[in-house]
């Protein structure tokens, strides 16, 4: 999931593409696992890390 977090943080790839690149064919299953490990969905994670990066 570290690689997935990096892709979410540094790219604009769709969640389904991030899931595929880290070995999950089912994006919904990937999202479920990501949430269990990080307490945020992939989209929420992406939004939160980007808002921290771009806040003046």
PDB file of N, CA and C in Angstrom:
ATOM      1  N   UNK A   1       0.806  -1.198   0.000  1.00  0.00           N
ATOM      2  CA  UNK A   1       0.000   0.000   0.000  1.00  0.00           C
ATOM      3  C   UNK A   1       0.851   1.266   0.000  1.00  0.00           C
ATOM      4  N   UNK A   2       2.105   1.129   0.332  1.00  0.00           N
ATOM      5  CA  UNK A   2       2.993   2.288   0.293  1.00  0.00           C
ATOM      6  C   UNK A   2       3.118   2.811  -1.132  1.00  0.00           C
ATOM      7  N   UNK A   3       3.251   1.897  -2.083  1.00  0.00           N
ATOM      8  CA  UNK A   3       3.349   2.303  -3.485  1.00  0.00           C
ATOM      9  C   UNK A   3       2.041   2.950  -3.942  1.00  0.00           C
ATOM     10  N   UNK A   4       0.922   2.408  -3.508  1.00  0.00           N
ATOM     11  CA  UNK A   4      -0.378   2.985  -3.861  1.00  0.00           C
ATOM     12  C   UNK A   4      -0.496   4.403  -3.306  1.00  0.00           C
ATOM     13  N   UNK A   5      -0.085   4.593  -2.069  1.00  0.00           N
ATOM     14  CA  UNK A   5      -0.146   5.927  -1.463  1.00  0.00           C
ATOM     15  C   UNK A   5       0.729   6.904  -2.239  1.00  0.00           C
ATOM     16  N   UNK A   6       1.887   6.454  -2.667  1.00  0.00           N
ATOM     17  CA  UNK A   6       2.775   7.323  -3.444  1.00  0.00           C
ATOM     18  C   UNK A   6       2.138   7.700  -4.775  1.00  0.00           C
ATOM     19  N   UNK A   7       1.526   6.736  -5.449  1.00  0.00           N
ATOM     20  CA  UNK A   7       0.853   7.025  -6.717  1.00  0.00           C
ATOM     21  C   UNK A   7      -0.316   7.986  -6.511  1.00  0.00           C
ATOM     22  N   UNK A   8      -1.068   7.801  -5.456  1.00  0.00           N
ATOM     23  CA  UNK A   8      -2.186   8.702  -5.174  1.00  0.00           C
ATOM     24  C   UNK A   8      -1.701  10.113  -4.890  1.00  0.00           C
ATOM     25  N   UNK A   9      -0.584  10.212  -4.200  1.00  0.00           N
ATOM     26  CA  UNK A   9      -0.030  11.512  -3.814  1.00  0.00           C
ATOM     27  C   UNK A   9       0.578  12.246  -5.011  1.00  0.00           C
ATOM     28  N   UNK A  10       1.226  11.503  -5.911  1.00  0.00           N
ATOM     29  CA  UNK A  10       2.050  12.138  -6.932  1.00  0.00           C
ATOM     30  C   UNK A  10       1.535  12.067  -8.358  1.00  0.00           C
ATOM     31  N   UNK A  11       0.396  11.418  -8.587  1.00  0.00           N
ATOM     32  CA  UNK A  11      -0.131  11.320  -9.949  1.00  0.00           C
ATOM     33  C   UNK A  11      -1.612  11.670  -9.970  1.00  0.00           C
ATOM     34  N   UNK A  12      -2.127  11.824 -11.168  1.00  0.00           N
ATOM     35  CA  UNK A  12      -3.563  12.048 -11.366  1.00  0.00           C
ATOM     36  C   UNK A  12      -4.245  10.801 -11.911  1.00  0.00           C
ATOM     37  N   UNK A  13      -3.603   9.655 -11.752  1.00  0.00           N
ATOM     38  CA  UNK A  13      -4.179   8.414 -12.247  1.00  0.00           C
ATOM     39  C   UNK A  13      -5.507   8.130 -11.566  1.00  0.00           C
ATOM     40  N   UNK A  14      -6.458   7.569 -12.302  1.00  0.00           N
ATOM     41  CA  UNK A  14      -7.712   7.146 -11.664  1.00  0.00           C
ATOM     42  C   UNK A  14      -7.431   6.064 -10.616  1.00  0.00           C
ATOM     43  N   UNK A  15      -8.303   5.938  -9.648  1.00  0.00           N
ATOM     44  CA  UNK A  15      -8.136   4.949  -8.582  1.00  0.00           C
ATOM     45  C   UNK A  15      -8.021   3.550  -9.184  1.00  0.00           C
ATOM     46  N   UNK A  16      -8.794   3.273 -10.217  1.00  0.00           N
ATOM     47  CA  UNK A  16      -8.744   1.943 -10.842  1.00  0.00           C
ATOM     48  C   UNK A  16      -7.363   1.663 -11.430  1.00  0.00           C
ATOM     49  N   UNK A  17      -6.715   2.669 -11.978  1.00  0.00           N
ATOM     50  CA  UNK A  17      -5.369   2.504 -12.535  1.00  0.00           C
ATOM     51  C   UNK A  17      -4.339   2.318 -11.422  1.00  0.00           C
ATOM     52  N   UNK A  18      -4.481   3.057 -10.343  1.00  0.00           N
ATOM     53  CA  UNK A  18      -3.591   2.877  -9.190  1.00  0.00           C
ATOM     54  C   UNK A  18      -3.725   1.447  -8.678  1.00  0.00           C
ATOM     55  N   UNK A  19      -4.965   0.985  -8.544  1.00  0.00           N
ATOM     56  CA  UNK A  19      -5.212  -0.383  -8.079  1.00  0.00           C
ATOM     57  C   UNK A  19      -4.528  -1.396  -8.993  1.00  0.00           C
ATOM     58  N   UNK A  20      -4.683  -1.224 -10.288  1.00  0.00           N
ATOM     59  CA  UNK A  20      -4.085  -2.156 -11.248  1.00  0.00           C
ATOM     60  C   UNK A  20      -2.559  -2.134 -11.166  1.00  0.00           C
ATOM     61  N   UNK A  21      -1.980  -0.971 -11.006  1.00  0.00           N
ATOM     62  CA  UNK A  21      -0.519  -0.871 -10.953  1.00  0.00           C
ATOM     63  C   UNK A  21       0.093  -1.517  -9.714  1.00  0.00           C
ATOM     64  N   UNK A  22      -0.696  -1.625  -8.649  1.00  0.00           N
ATOM     65  CA  UNK A  22      -0.175  -2.281  -7.446  1.00  0.00           C
ATOM     66  C   UNK A  22      -0.701  -3.708  -7.303  1.00  0.00           C
ATOM     67  N   UNK A  23      -1.355  -4.212  -8.358  1.00  0.00           N
ATOM     68  CA  UNK A  23      -1.694  -5.628  -8.398  1.00  0.00           C
ATOM     69  C   UNK A  23      -3.123  -6.016  -8.054  1.00  0.00           C
ATOM     70  N   UNK A  24      -4.031  -5.070  -8.010  1.00  0.00           N
ATOM     71  CA  UNK A  24      -5.431  -5.376  -7.714  1.00  0.00           C
ATOM     72  C   UNK A  24      -6.280  -5.126  -8.953  1.00  0.00           C
ATOM     73  N   UNK A  25      -6.956  -6.172  -9.425  1.00  0.00           N
ATOM     74  CA  UNK A  25      -7.830  -6.038 -10.588  1.00  0.00           C
ATOM     75  C   UNK A  25      -9.151  -5.357 -10.230  1.00  0.00           C
ATOM     76  N   UNK A  26      -9.589  -5.546  -9.007  1.00  0.00           N
ATOM     77  CA  UNK A  26     -10.873  -5.009  -8.548  1.00  0.00           C
ATOM     78  C   UNK A  26     -10.636  -3.729  -7.755  1.00  0.00           C
ATOM     79  N   UNK A  27     -10.995  -2.597  -8.332  1.00  0.00           N
ATOM     80  CA  UNK A  27     -10.754  -1.304  -7.687  1.00  0.00           C
ATOM     81  C   UNK A  27     -11.563  -1.159  -6.394  1.00  0.00           C
ATOM     82  N   UNK A  28     -12.752  -1.746  -6.350  1.00  0.00           N
ATOM     83  CA  UNK A  28     -13.564  -1.653  -5.127  1.00  0.00           C
ATOM     84  C   UNK A  28     -12.892  -2.413  -3.980  1.00  0.00           C
ATOM     85  N   UNK A  29     -12.333  -3.572  -4.276  1.00  0.00           N
ATOM     86  CA  UNK A  29     -11.630  -4.349  -3.259  1.00  0.00           C
ATOM     87  C   UNK A  29     -10.381  -3.601  -2.799  1.00  0.00           C
ATOM     88  N   UNK A  30      -9.655  -3.020  -3.748  1.00  0.00           N
ATOM     89  CA  UNK A  30      -8.489  -2.213  -3.414  1.00  0.00           C
ATOM     90  C   UNK A  30      -8.882  -1.070  -2.477  1.00  0.00           C
ATOM     91  N   UNK A  31      -9.967  -0.383  -2.787  1.00  0.00           N
ATOM     92  CA  UNK A  31     -10.421   0.732  -1.955  1.00  0.00           C
ATOM     93  C   UNK A  31     -10.773   0.271  -0.547  1.00  0.00           C
ATOM     94  N   UNK A  32     -11.414  -0.886  -0.443  1.00  0.00           N
ATOM     95  CA  UNK A  32     -11.754  -1.442   0.864  1.00  0.00           C
ATOM     96  C   UNK A  32     -10.498  -1.730   1.680  1.00  0.00           C
ATOM     97  N   UNK A  33      -9.522  -2.374   1.063  1.00  0.00           N
ATOM     98  CA  UNK A  33      -8.272  -2.675   1.762  1.00  0.00           C
ATOM     99  C   UNK A  33      -7.522  -1.400   2.139  1.00  0.00           C
ATOM    100  N   UNK A  34      -7.476  -0.449   1.225  1.00  0.00           N
ATOM    101  CA  UNK A  34      -6.780   0.813   1.502  1.00  0.00           C
ATOM    102  C   UNK A  34      -7.418   1.500   2.705  1.00  0.00           C
ATOM    103  N   UNK A  35      -8.741   1.499   2.752  1.00  0.00           N
ATOM    104  CA  UNK A  35      -9.437   2.150   3.870  1.00  0.00           C
ATOM    105  C   UNK A  35      -9.157   1.433   5.190  1.00  0.00           C
ATOM    106  N   UNK A  36      -9.109   0.127   5.160  1.00  0.00           N
ATOM    107  CA  UNK A  36      -8.818  -0.629   6.387  1.00  0.00           C
ATOM    108  C   UNK A  36      -7.428  -0.295   6.926  1.00  0.00           C
ATOM    109  N   UNK A  37      -6.484  -0.069   6.030  1.00  0.00           N
ATOM    110  CA  UNK A  37      -5.111   0.194   6.448  1.00  0.00           C
ATOM    111  C   UNK A  37      -4.838   1.656   6.781  1.00  0.00           C
ATOM    112  N   UNK A  38      -5.580   2.567   6.160  1.00  0.00           N
ATOM    113  CA  UNK A  38      -5.263   3.983   6.353  1.00  0.00           C
ATOM    114  C   UNK A  38      -6.403   4.803   6.963  1.00  0.00           C
ATOM    115  N   UNK A  39      -7.547   4.206   7.183  1.00  0.00           N
ATOM    116  CA  UNK A  39      -8.759   4.862   7.703  1.00  0.00           C
ATOM    117  C   UNK A  39      -9.358   5.906   6.754  1.00  0.00           C
ATOM    118  N   UNK A  40      -8.856   5.957   5.525  1.00  0.00           N
ATOM    119  CA  UNK A  40      -9.412   6.851   4.498  1.00  0.00           C
ATOM    120  C   UNK A  40      -9.532   6.071   3.201  1.00  0.00           C
ATOM    121  N   UNK A  41     -10.515   6.455   2.390  1.00  0.00           N
ATOM    122  CA  UNK A  41     -10.590   5.878   1.060  1.00  0.00           C
ATOM    123  C   UNK A  41      -9.433   6.445   0.232  1.00  0.00           C
ATOM    124  N   UNK A  42      -9.106   5.819  -0.885  1.00  0.00           N
ATOM    125  CA  UNK A  42      -8.048   6.386  -1.724  1.00  0.00           C
ATOM    126  C   UNK A  42      -8.326   7.839  -2.145  1.00  0.00           C
ATOM    127  N   UNK A  43      -9.560   8.139  -2.465  1.00  0.00           N
ATOM    128  CA  UNK A  43      -9.901   9.514  -2.860  1.00  0.00           C
ATOM    129  C   UNK A  43      -9.736  10.491  -1.704  1.00  0.00           C
ATOM    130  N   UNK A  44     -10.184  10.091  -0.525  1.00  0.00           N
ATOM    131  CA  UNK A  44     -10.022  10.948   0.650  1.00  0.00           C
ATOM    132  C   UNK A  44      -8.547  11.166   0.963  1.00  0.00           C
ATOM    133  N   UNK A  45      -7.764  10.097   0.837  1.00  0.00           N
ATOM    134  CA  UNK A  45      -6.325  10.209   1.085  1.00  0.00           C
ATOM    135  C   UNK A  45      -5.693  11.189   0.103  1.00  0.00           C
ATOM    136  N   UNK A  46      -6.006  11.032  -1.166  1.00  0.00           N
ATOM    137  CA  UNK A  46      -5.451  11.923  -2.197  1.00  0.00           C
ATOM    138  C   UNK A  46      -5.820  13.373  -1.901  1.00  0.00           C
ATOM    139  N   UNK A  47      -7.073  13.619  -1.585  1.00  0.00           N
ATOM    140  CA  UNK A  47      -7.521  14.985  -1.288  1.00  0.00           C
ATOM    141  C   UNK A  47      -6.807  15.556  -0.063  1.00  0.00           C
ATOM    142  N   UNK A  48      -6.654  14.737   0.970  1.00  0.00           N
ATOM    143  CA  UNK A  48      -6.037  15.243   2.204  1.00  0.00           C
ATOM    144  C   UNK A  48      -4.552  15.539   2.026  1.00  0.00           C
ATOM    145  N   UNK A  49      -3.817  14.691   1.347  1.00  0.00           N
ATOM    146  CA  UNK A  49      -2.381  14.964   1.190  1.00  0.00           C
ATOM    147  C   UNK A  49      -2.149  16.108   0.224  1.00  0.00           C
ATOM    148  N   UNK A  50      -2.980  16.235  -0.771  1.00  0.00           N
ATOM    149  CA  UNK A  50      -2.807  17.346  -1.704  1.00  0.00           C
ATOM    150  C   UNK A  50      -3.189  18.668  -1.070  1.00  0.00           C
ATOM    151  N   UNK A  51      -4.196  18.680  -0.235  1.00  0.00           N
ATOM    152  CA  UNK A  51      -4.574  19.942   0.403  1.00  0.00           C
ATOM    153  C   UNK A  51      -3.479  20.416   1.346  1.00  0.00           C
ATOM    154  N   UNK A  52      -2.770  19.491   1.965  1.00  0.00           N
ATOM    155  CA  UNK A  52      -1.649  19.860   2.831  1.00  0.00           C
ATOM    156  C   UNK A  52      -0.476  20.396   2.013  1.00  0.00           C
ATOM    157  N   UNK A  53      -0.273  19.834   0.817  1.00  0.00           N
ATOM    158  CA  UNK A  53       0.835  20.275  -0.031  1.00  0.00           C
ATOM    159  C   UNK A  53       0.607  21.669  -0.607  1.00  0.00           C
ATOM    160  N   UNK A  54      -0.639  21.989  -0.899  1.00  0.00           N
ATOM    161  CA  UNK A  54      -0.926  23.224  -1.604  1.00  0.00           C
ATOM    162  C   UNK A  54      -1.561  24.309  -0.743  1.00  0.00           C
ATOM    163  N   UNK A  55      -1.577  24.121   0.558  1.00  0.00           N
ATOM    164  CA  UNK A  55      -2.112  25.149   1.445  1.00  0.00           C
ATOM    165  C   UNK A  55      -1.039  26.214   1.668  1.00  0.00           C
ATOM    166  N   UNK A  56      -1.384  27.477   1.443  1.00  0.00           N
ATOM    167  CA  UNK A  56      -0.374  28.537   1.603  1.00  0.00           C
ATOM    168  C   UNK A  56       0.056  28.732   3.051  1.00  0.00           C
TER     169      UNK A  56
END
